[in-house]
């Protein structure tokens, strides 16, 4: 369920450019979440507390063409 929600939030206008998406999952679910193809969000941090894993995502910085 977290992977699906992350995929939806990746293209959602609800997340601002300075916004932060935090996913709380069991560590065993991590592989499914990182397998989600993301266009706008990037994993910036992970923190494990016992059987809880928090994954922090923020908007990728825009790449300007030089």
PDB file of N, CA and C in Angstrom:
ATOM      1  N   UNK A   1       0.819  -1.186   0.000  1.00  0.00           N
ATOM      2  CA  UNK A   1       0.000   0.000   0.000  1.00  0.00           C
ATOM      3  C   UNK A   1       0.875   1.267   0.000  1.00  0.00           C
ATOM      4  N   UNK A   2       1.986   1.256   0.728  1.00  0.00           N
ATOM      5  CA  UNK A   2       2.857   2.427   0.785  1.00  0.00           C
ATOM      6  C   UNK A   2       3.464   2.716  -0.581  1.00  0.00           C
ATOM      7  N   UNK A   3       3.828   1.670  -1.310  1.00  0.00           N
ATOM      8  CA  UNK A   3       4.413   1.854  -2.641  1.00  0.00           C
ATOM      9  C   UNK A   3       3.409   2.515  -3.576  1.00  0.00           C
ATOM     10  N   UNK A   4       2.175   2.086  -3.517  1.00  0.00           N
ATOM     11  CA  UNK A   4       1.125   2.672  -4.369  1.00  0.00           C
ATOM     12  C   UNK A   4       0.896   4.140  -3.998  1.00  0.00           C
ATOM     13  N   UNK A   5       0.832   4.427  -2.715  1.00  0.00           N
ATOM     14  CA  UNK A   5       0.627   5.809  -2.264  1.00  0.00           C
ATOM     15  C   UNK A   5       1.782   6.701  -2.694  1.00  0.00           C
ATOM     16  N   UNK A   6       3.003   6.199  -2.612  1.00  0.00           N
ATOM     17  CA  UNK A   6       4.169   6.971  -3.023  1.00  0.00           C
ATOM     18  C   UNK A   6       4.103   7.282  -4.521  1.00  0.00           C
ATOM     19  N   UNK A   7       3.701   6.306  -5.318  1.00  0.00           N
ATOM     20  CA  UNK A   7       3.557   6.520  -6.749  1.00  0.00           C
ATOM     21  C   UNK A   7       2.536   7.591  -7.071  1.00  0.00           C
ATOM     22  N   UNK A   8       1.448   7.613  -6.327  1.00  0.00           N
ATOM     23  CA  UNK A   8       0.410   8.629  -6.532  1.00  0.00           C
ATOM     24  C   UNK A   8       0.923  10.004  -6.109  1.00  0.00           C
ATOM     25  N   UNK A   9       1.583  10.080  -4.971  1.00  0.00           N
ATOM     26  CA  UNK A   9       2.098  11.360  -4.483  1.00  0.00           C
ATOM     27  C   UNK A   9       3.203  11.923  -5.374  1.00  0.00           C
ATOM     28  N   UNK A  10       3.916  11.060  -6.073  1.00  0.00           N
ATOM     29  CA  UNK A  10       4.986  11.506  -6.957  1.00  0.00           C
ATOM     30  C   UNK A  10       4.472  12.451  -8.040  1.00  0.00           C
ATOM     31  N   UNK A  11       3.264  12.247  -8.498  1.00  0.00           N
ATOM     32  CA  UNK A  11       2.701  13.090  -9.558  1.00  0.00           C
ATOM     33  C   UNK A  11       1.570  13.989  -9.068  1.00  0.00           C
ATOM     34  N   UNK A  12       1.359  14.033  -7.783  1.00  0.00           N
ATOM     35  CA  UNK A  12       0.257  14.800  -7.217  1.00  0.00           C
ATOM     36  C   UNK A  12       0.605  16.278  -7.035  1.00  0.00           C
ATOM     37  N   UNK A  13      -0.351  17.154  -7.318  1.00  0.00           N
ATOM     38  CA  UNK A  13      -0.126  18.576  -7.049  1.00  0.00           C
ATOM     39  C   UNK A  13      -0.206  18.907  -5.558  1.00  0.00           C
ATOM     40  N   UNK A  14      -0.527  17.924  -4.732  1.00  0.00           N
ATOM     41  CA  UNK A  14      -0.617  18.152  -3.282  1.00  0.00           C
ATOM     42  C   UNK A  14       0.743  18.332  -2.631  1.00  0.00           C
ATOM     43  N   UNK A  15       1.799  17.859  -3.280  1.00  0.00           N
ATOM     44  CA  UNK A  15       3.144  17.969  -2.720  1.00  0.00           C
ATOM     45  C   UNK A  15       3.829  19.185  -3.339  1.00  0.00           C
ATOM     46  N   UNK A  16       4.173  20.147  -2.498  1.00  0.00           N
ATOM     47  CA  UNK A  16       4.824  21.367  -3.000  1.00  0.00           C
ATOM     48  C   UNK A  16       6.300  21.097  -3.287  1.00  0.00           C
ATOM     49  N   UNK A  17       6.943  22.022  -3.982  1.00  0.00           N
ATOM     50  CA  UNK A  17       8.363  21.865  -4.311  1.00  0.00           C
ATOM     51  C   UNK A  17       9.231  21.769  -3.067  1.00  0.00           C
ATOM     52  N   UNK A  18       8.794  22.368  -1.966  1.00  0.00           N
ATOM     53  CA  UNK A  18       9.552  22.311  -0.716  1.00  0.00           C
ATOM     54  C   UNK A  18       8.967  21.291   0.261  1.00  0.00           C
ATOM     55  N   UNK A  19       8.006  20.503  -0.215  1.00  0.00           N
ATOM     56  CA  UNK A  19       7.321  19.539   0.634  1.00  0.00           C
ATOM     57  C   UNK A  19       8.162  18.315   0.950  1.00  0.00           C
ATOM     58  N   UNK A  20       7.705  17.553   1.913  1.00  0.00           N
ATOM     59  CA  UNK A  20       8.375  16.348   2.364  1.00  0.00           C
ATOM     60  C   UNK A  20       7.328  15.244   2.476  1.00  0.00           C
ATOM     61  N   UNK A  21       7.623  14.081   1.926  1.00  0.00           N
ATOM     62  CA  UNK A  21       6.745  12.916   2.034  1.00  0.00           C
ATOM     63  C   UNK A  21       7.453  11.911   2.931  1.00  0.00           C
ATOM     64  N   UNK A  22       6.763  11.477   3.983  1.00  0.00           N
ATOM     65  CA  UNK A  22       7.343  10.508   4.914  1.00  0.00           C
ATOM     66  C   UNK A  22       6.484   9.253   4.884  1.00  0.00           C
ATOM     67  N   UNK A  23       7.130   8.130   4.612  1.00  0.00           N
ATOM     68  CA  UNK A  23       6.440   6.844   4.546  1.00  0.00           C
ATOM     69  C   UNK A  23       6.867   6.028   5.760  1.00  0.00           C
ATOM     70  N   UNK A  24       5.893   5.478   6.485  1.00  0.00           N
ATOM     71  CA  UNK A  24       6.178   4.607   7.623  1.00  0.00           C
ATOM     72  C   UNK A  24       5.802   3.188   7.224  1.00  0.00           C
ATOM     73  N   UNK A  25       6.794   2.285   7.236  1.00  0.00           N
ATOM     74  CA  UNK A  25       6.568   0.906   6.822  1.00  0.00           C
ATOM     75  C   UNK A  25       7.347  -0.050   7.723  1.00  0.00           C
ATOM     76  N   UNK A  26       7.101  -1.324   7.539  1.00  0.00           N
ATOM     77  CA  UNK A  26       7.934  -2.357   8.158  1.00  0.00           C
ATOM     78  C   UNK A  26       9.175  -2.490   7.284  1.00  0.00           C
ATOM     79  N   UNK A  27      10.346  -2.686   7.860  1.00  0.00           N
ATOM     80  CA  UNK A  27      11.572  -2.789   7.053  1.00  0.00           C
ATOM     81  C   UNK A  27      11.513  -3.821   5.925  1.00  0.00           C
ATOM     82  N   UNK A  28      10.713  -4.874   6.073  1.00  0.00           N
ATOM     83  CA  UNK A  28      10.588  -5.889   5.026  1.00  0.00           C
ATOM     84  C   UNK A  28       9.924  -5.327   3.761  1.00  0.00           C
ATOM     85  N   UNK A  29       9.197  -4.215   3.879  1.00  0.00           N
ATOM     86  CA  UNK A  29       8.508  -3.609   2.743  1.00  0.00           C
ATOM     87  C   UNK A  29       9.404  -2.665   1.941  1.00  0.00           C
ATOM     88  N   UNK A  30      10.621  -2.420   2.420  1.00  0.00           N
ATOM     89  CA  UNK A  30      11.500  -1.428   1.810  1.00  0.00           C
ATOM     90  C   UNK A  30      11.760  -1.684   0.326  1.00  0.00           C
ATOM     91  N   UNK A  31      12.070  -2.927  -0.040  1.00  0.00           N
ATOM     92  CA  UNK A  31      12.385  -3.236  -1.429  1.00  0.00           C
ATOM     93  C   UNK A  31      11.246  -2.866  -2.376  1.00  0.00           C
ATOM     94  N   UNK A  32      10.018  -3.085  -1.960  1.00  0.00           N
ATOM     95  CA  UNK A  32       8.861  -2.729  -2.783  1.00  0.00           C
ATOM     96  C   UNK A  32       8.718  -1.229  -2.961  1.00  0.00           C
ATOM     97  N   UNK A  33       9.056  -0.474  -1.928  1.00  0.00           N
ATOM     98  CA  UNK A  33       8.940   0.985  -1.999  1.00  0.00           C
ATOM     99  C   UNK A  33      10.036   1.581  -2.881  1.00  0.00           C
ATOM    100  N   UNK A  34      11.277   1.121  -2.729  1.00  0.00           N
ATOM    101  CA  UNK A  34      12.360   1.685  -3.537  1.00  0.00           C
ATOM    102  C   UNK A  34      12.265   1.259  -4.998  1.00  0.00           C
ATOM    103  N   UNK A  35      11.465   0.238  -5.299  1.00  0.00           N
ATOM    104  CA  UNK A  35      11.288  -0.204  -6.681  1.00  0.00           C
ATOM    105  C   UNK A  35      10.313   0.674  -7.457  1.00  0.00           C
ATOM    106  N   UNK A  36       9.607   1.564  -6.765  1.00  0.00           N
ATOM    107  CA  UNK A  36       8.645   2.438  -7.438  1.00  0.00           C
ATOM    108  C   UNK A  36       9.402   3.454  -8.293  1.00  0.00           C
ATOM    109  N   UNK A  37       9.088   3.528  -9.597  1.00  0.00           N
ATOM    110  CA  UNK A  37       9.761   4.523 -10.447  1.00  0.00           C
ATOM    111  C   UNK A  37       9.240   5.927 -10.132  1.00  0.00           C
ATOM    112  N   UNK A  38      10.127   6.804  -9.705  1.00  0.00           N
ATOM    113  CA  UNK A  38       9.732   8.157  -9.316  1.00  0.00           C
ATOM    114  C   UNK A  38      10.304   9.181 -10.289  1.00  0.00           C
ATOM    115  N   UNK A  39       9.467  10.131 -10.680  1.00  0.00           N
ATOM    116  CA  UNK A  39       9.907  11.204 -11.576  1.00  0.00           C
ATOM    117  C   UNK A  39      10.241  12.478 -10.811  1.00  0.00           C
ATOM    118  N   UNK A  40       9.499  12.733  -9.733  1.00  0.00           N
ATOM    119  CA  UNK A  40       9.628  14.011  -9.044  1.00  0.00           C
ATOM    120  C   UNK A  40      10.168  13.904  -7.619  1.00  0.00           C
ATOM    121  N   UNK A  41       9.997  12.770  -6.988  1.00  0.00           N
ATOM    122  CA  UNK A  41      10.449  12.594  -5.609  1.00  0.00           C
ATOM    123  C   UNK A  41      11.756  11.805  -5.573  1.00  0.00           C
ATOM    124  N   UNK A  42      12.567  12.078  -4.545  1.00  0.00           N
ATOM    125  CA  UNK A  42      13.831  11.362  -4.350  1.00  0.00           C
ATOM    126  C   UNK A  42      13.963  11.000  -2.872  1.00  0.00           C
ATOM    127  N   UNK A  43      14.456   9.810  -2.606  1.00  0.00           N
ATOM    128  CA  UNK A  43      14.700   9.367  -1.237  1.00  0.00           C
ATOM    129  C   UNK A  43      15.862  10.175  -0.666  1.00  0.00           C
ATOM    130  N   UNK A  44      15.623  10.851   0.465  1.00  0.00           N
ATOM    131  CA  UNK A  44      16.659  11.691   1.056  1.00  0.00           C
ATOM    132  C   UNK A  44      17.177  11.171   2.394  1.00  0.00           C
ATOM    133  N   UNK A  45      16.392  10.327   3.070  1.00  0.00           N
ATOM    134  CA  UNK A  45      16.814   9.830   4.381  1.00  0.00           C
ATOM    135  C   UNK A  45      15.987   8.604   4.746  1.00  0.00           C
ATOM    136  N   UNK A  46      16.550   7.753   5.583  1.00  0.00           N
ATOM    137  CA  UNK A  46      15.853   6.597   6.151  1.00  0.00           C
ATOM    138  C   UNK A  46      16.228   6.494   7.620  1.00  0.00           C
ATOM    139  N   UNK A  47      15.252   6.136   8.448  1.00  0.00           N
ATOM    140  CA  UNK A  47      15.523   5.938   9.876  1.00  0.00           C
ATOM    141  C   UNK A  47      14.742   4.727  10.357  1.00  0.00           C
ATOM    142  N   UNK A  48      15.436   3.855  11.041  1.00  0.00           N
ATOM    143  CA  UNK A  48      14.806   2.636  11.538  1.00  0.00           C
ATOM    144  C   UNK A  48      14.693   2.711  13.053  1.00  0.00           C
ATOM    145  N   UNK A  49      13.509   2.397  13.530  1.00  0.00           N
ATOM    146  CA  UNK A  49      13.223   2.348  14.955  1.00  0.00           C
ATOM    147  C   UNK A  49      12.554   1.011  15.234  1.00  0.00           C
ATOM    148  N   UNK A  50      13.345   0.012  15.623  1.00  0.00           N
ATOM    149  CA  UNK A  50      12.793  -1.322  15.873  1.00  0.00           C
ATOM    150  C   UNK A  50      12.213  -1.908  14.602  1.00  0.00           C
ATOM    151  N   UNK A  51      10.919  -2.204  14.631  1.00  0.00           N
ATOM    152  CA  UNK A  51      10.271  -2.790  13.459  1.00  0.00           C
ATOM    153  C   UNK A  51       9.566  -1.731  12.608  1.00  0.00           C
ATOM    154  N   UNK A  52       9.984  -0.487  12.752  1.00  0.00           N
ATOM    155  CA  UNK A  52       9.414   0.610  11.969  1.00  0.00           C
ATOM    156  C   UNK A  52      10.522   1.279  11.160  1.00  0.00           C
ATOM    157  N   UNK A  53      10.259   1.493   9.887  1.00  0.00           N
ATOM    158  CA  UNK A  53      11.191   2.198   9.012  1.00  0.00           C
ATOM    159  C   UNK A  53      10.499   3.447   8.493  1.00  0.00           C
ATOM    160  N   UNK A  54      11.136   4.585   8.679  1.00  0.00           N
ATOM    161  CA  UNK A  54      10.643   5.840   8.127  1.00  0.00           C
ATOM    162  C   UNK A  54      11.509   6.192   6.926  1.00  0.00           C
ATOM    163  N   UNK A  55      10.869   6.479   5.805  1.00  0.00           N
ATOM    164  CA  UNK A  55      11.571   6.867   4.584  1.00  0.00           C
ATOM    165  C   UNK A  55      11.128   8.284   4.224  1.00  0.00           C
ATOM    166  N   UNK A  56      12.108   9.152   4.012  1.00  0.00           N
ATOM    167  CA  UNK A  56      11.846  10.560   3.746  1.00  0.00           C
ATOM    168  C   UNK A  56      12.122  10.857   2.271  1.00  0.00           C
ATOM    169  N   UNK A  57      11.169  11.461   1.612  1.00  0.00           N
ATOM    170  CA  UNK A  57      11.294  11.817   0.207  1.00  0.00           C
ATOM    171  C   UNK A  57      11.055  13.313   0.050  1.00  0.00           C
ATOM    172  N   UNK A  58      11.835  13.948  -0.824  1.00  0.00           N
ATOM    173  CA  UNK A  58      11.615  15.355  -1.153  1.00  0.00           C
ATOM    174  C   UNK A  58      11.646  15.493  -2.668  1.00  0.00           C
ATOM    175  N   UNK A  59      11.209  16.644  -3.143  1.00  0.00           N
ATOM    176  CA  UNK A  59      11.169  16.889  -4.580  1.00  0.00           C
ATOM    177  C   UNK A  59      12.582  16.985  -5.121  1.00  0.00           C
ATOM    178  N   UNK A  60      12.805  16.376  -6.284  1.00  0.00           N
ATOM    179  CA  UNK A  60      14.105  16.469  -6.944  1.00  0.00           C
ATOM    180  C   UNK A  60      14.305  17.906  -7.398  1.00  0.00           C
ATOM    181  N   UNK A  61      15.557  18.332  -7.402  1.00  0.00           N
ATOM    182  CA  UNK A  61      15.880  19.675  -7.892  1.00  0.00           C
ATOM    183  C   UNK A  61      15.789  19.670  -9.412  1.00  0.00           C
ATOM    184  N   UNK A  62      15.266  20.750  -9.956  1.00  0.00           N
ATOM    185  CA  UNK A  62      15.138  20.867 -11.403  1.00  0.00           C
ATOM    186  C   UNK A  62      16.513  20.957 -12.046  1.00  0.00           C
ATOM    187  N   UNK A  63      16.730  20.191 -13.078  1.00  0.00           N
ATOM    188  CA  UNK A  63      17.981  20.226 -13.816  1.00  0.00           C
ATOM    189  C   UNK A  63      17.824  21.231 -14.945  1.00  0.00           C
ATOM    190  N   UNK A  64      18.629  22.262 -14.952  1.00  0.00           N
ATOM    191  CA  UNK A  64      18.540  23.251 -16.017  1.00  0.00           C
ATOM    192  C   UNK A  64      19.493  22.873 -17.147  1.00  0.00           C
ATOM    193  N   UNK A  65      19.040  23.079 -18.380  1.00  0.00           N
ATOM    194  CA  UNK A  65      19.868  22.758 -19.544  1.00  0.00           C
ATOM    195  C   UNK A  65      20.903  23.853 -19.734  1.00  0.00           C
ATOM    196  N   UNK A  66      22.152  23.469 -19.903  1.00  0.00           N
ATOM    197  CA  UNK A  66      23.233  24.452 -20.071  1.00  0.00           C
ATOM    198  C   UNK A  66      23.651  24.531 -21.513  1.00  0.00           C
TER     199      UNK A  66
END
